[in-house]
Protein backbone atom coordinates (compact mmCIF):
# COMPACT_ATOMS: atom_id res chain seq x y z
CA UNK A 1 -40.65 13.96 -38.49
CA UNK A 2 -41.84 16.52 -36.01
CA UNK A 3 -39.79 18.88 -33.86
CA UNK A 4 -40.35 16.70 -30.80
CA UNK A 5 -38.93 13.70 -32.67
CA UNK A 6 -35.82 15.70 -33.50
CA UNK A 7 -35.53 16.85 -29.87
CA UNK A 8 -35.78 13.27 -28.63
CA UNK A 9 -33.18 12.05 -31.14
CA UNK A 10 -30.85 14.96 -30.31
CA UNK A 11 -31.27 14.34 -26.58
CA UNK A 12 -30.50 10.64 -26.88
CA UNK A 13 -27.50 11.36 -29.11
CA UNK A 14 -26.03 14.02 -26.80
CA UNK A 15 -26.59 11.95 -23.65
CA UNK A 16 -24.96 8.98 -25.35
CA UNK A 17 -21.95 11.09 -26.45
CA UNK A 18 -21.54 12.57 -22.98
CA UNK A 19 -21.76 9.17 -21.26
CA UNK A 20 -19.24 7.70 -23.70
CA UNK A 21 -16.86 10.63 -23.12
CA UNK A 22 -17.19 10.33 -19.34
CA UNK A 23 -16.80 6.55 -19.24
CA UNK A 24 -13.86 6.54 -21.66
CA UNK A 25 -12.08 9.09 -19.47
CA UNK A 26 -12.77 7.08 -16.34
CA UNK A 27 -11.69 3.84 -18.00
CA UNK A 28 -8.43 5.50 -19.10
CA UNK A 29 -7.82 6.71 -15.54
CA UNK A 30 -8.53 3.24 -14.17
CA UNK A 31 -6.18 1.68 -16.72
CA UNK A 32 -3.40 4.09 -15.73
CA UNK A 33 -3.89 3.36 -12.04
CA UNK A 34 -4.00 -0.38 -12.72
CA UNK A 35 -0.64 -0.12 -14.48
CA UNK A 36 0.87 1.67 -11.47
CA UNK A 37 -0.42 -0.82 -8.87
CA UNK A 38 2.21 -3.56 -9.46
CA UNK A 39 5.03 -1.03 -9.08
CA UNK A 40 3.46 0.39 -5.93
CA UNK A 41 3.02 -3.09 -4.45
CA UNK A 42 6.58 -4.05 -5.36
CA UNK A 43 7.93 -0.91 -3.64
CA UNK A 44 5.83 -1.55 -0.52
CA UNK A 45 7.02 -5.16 -0.34
CA UNK A 46 10.65 -4.08 -0.73
CA UNK A 47 10.23 -1.46 2.02
CA UNK A 48 8.61 -4.03 4.30
CA UNK A 49 11.42 -6.51 3.61
CA UNK A 50 14.04 -3.88 4.49
CA UNK A 51 12.23 -3.00 7.72
CA UNK A 52 12.00 -6.68 8.69
CA UNK A 53 15.72 -7.20 8.08
CA UNK A 54 16.60 -4.10 10.14
CA UNK A 55 14.36 -5.27 12.99
CA UNK A 56 15.88 -8.77 12.91
CA UNK A 57 19.39 -7.29 13.13
CA UNK A 58 18.33 -5.05 16.01
CA UNK A 59 16.83 -8.00 17.89
CA UNK A 60 19.95 -10.06 17.22
CA UNK A 61 22.13 -7.28 18.65
CA UNK A 62 19.95 -7.07 21.77
CA UNK A 63 20.14 -10.83 22.20
CA UNK A 64 23.90 -10.87 21.79
CA UNK A 65 24.21 -8.01 24.32
CA UNK A 66 22.10 -10.02 26.79
CA UNK A 67 24.24 -13.11 26.25
CA UNK A 68 27.38 -11.05 26.81
CA UNK A 69 25.95 -9.67 30.05
CA UNK A 70 25.10 -13.18 31.25
CA UNK A 71 28.57 -14.50 30.48
CA UNK A 72 30.20 -11.57 32.30
CA UNK A 73 27.88 -12.07 35.27
CA UNK A 74 28.79 -15.73 35.55
CA UNK A 75 32.45 -14.78 35.86
CA UNK A 76 31.81 -12.94 39.10
CA UNK A 77 30.56 -15.13 42.00
CA UNK A 78 29.06 -12.17 43.89
CA UNK A 79 26.99 -11.27 40.86
CA UNK A 80 25.84 -14.90 40.65
CA UNK A 81 24.82 -14.84 44.31
CA UNK A 82 22.98 -11.56 43.85
CA UNK A 83 21.14 -12.92 40.83
CA UNK A 84 20.10 -15.99 42.80
CA UNK A 85 18.78 -13.80 45.62
CA UNK A 86 16.89 -11.64 43.16
CA UNK A 87 15.34 -14.72 41.59
CA UNK A 88 14.28 -16.08 44.98
CA UNK A 89 12.75 -12.71 45.93
CA UNK A 90 10.91 -12.59 42.60
CA UNK A 91 9.54 -16.08 43.16
CA UNK A 92 8.49 -15.18 46.69
CA UNK A 93 6.71 -12.03 45.45
CA UNK A 94 4.89 -14.00 42.77
CA UNK A 95 3.64 -16.48 45.36
CA UNK A 96 2.61 -13.64 47.65
CA UNK A 97 0.70 -11.97 44.82
CA UNK A 98 -1.09 -15.23 44.08
CA UNK A 99 -2.16 -15.52 47.71
CA UNK A 100 -3.37 -11.92 47.80
CA UNK A 101 -5.38 -12.35 44.62
CA UNK A 102 -7.39 -15.27 46.06
């Protein structure tokens, strides 16, 4: 065998070793990340669930506060009259806006 044959064999061998080393390292990294993904997804889902529950409670409190305000308002006839006037003014303004937009 000539020197060029040895150089070609050595080149192929070293390139092959280097590629194997690089790919094995990358495959190990990918395997480690793949093992972490289910835990990361589980944590994100739990966090999302907690946020949804908090938001639902907040909306429920707002709704119950609104219902309380409505029940208190219905106890006072002047408040009822004022609310009726406000509603009629709102309706009138909506109709006026519709006419102006045409």
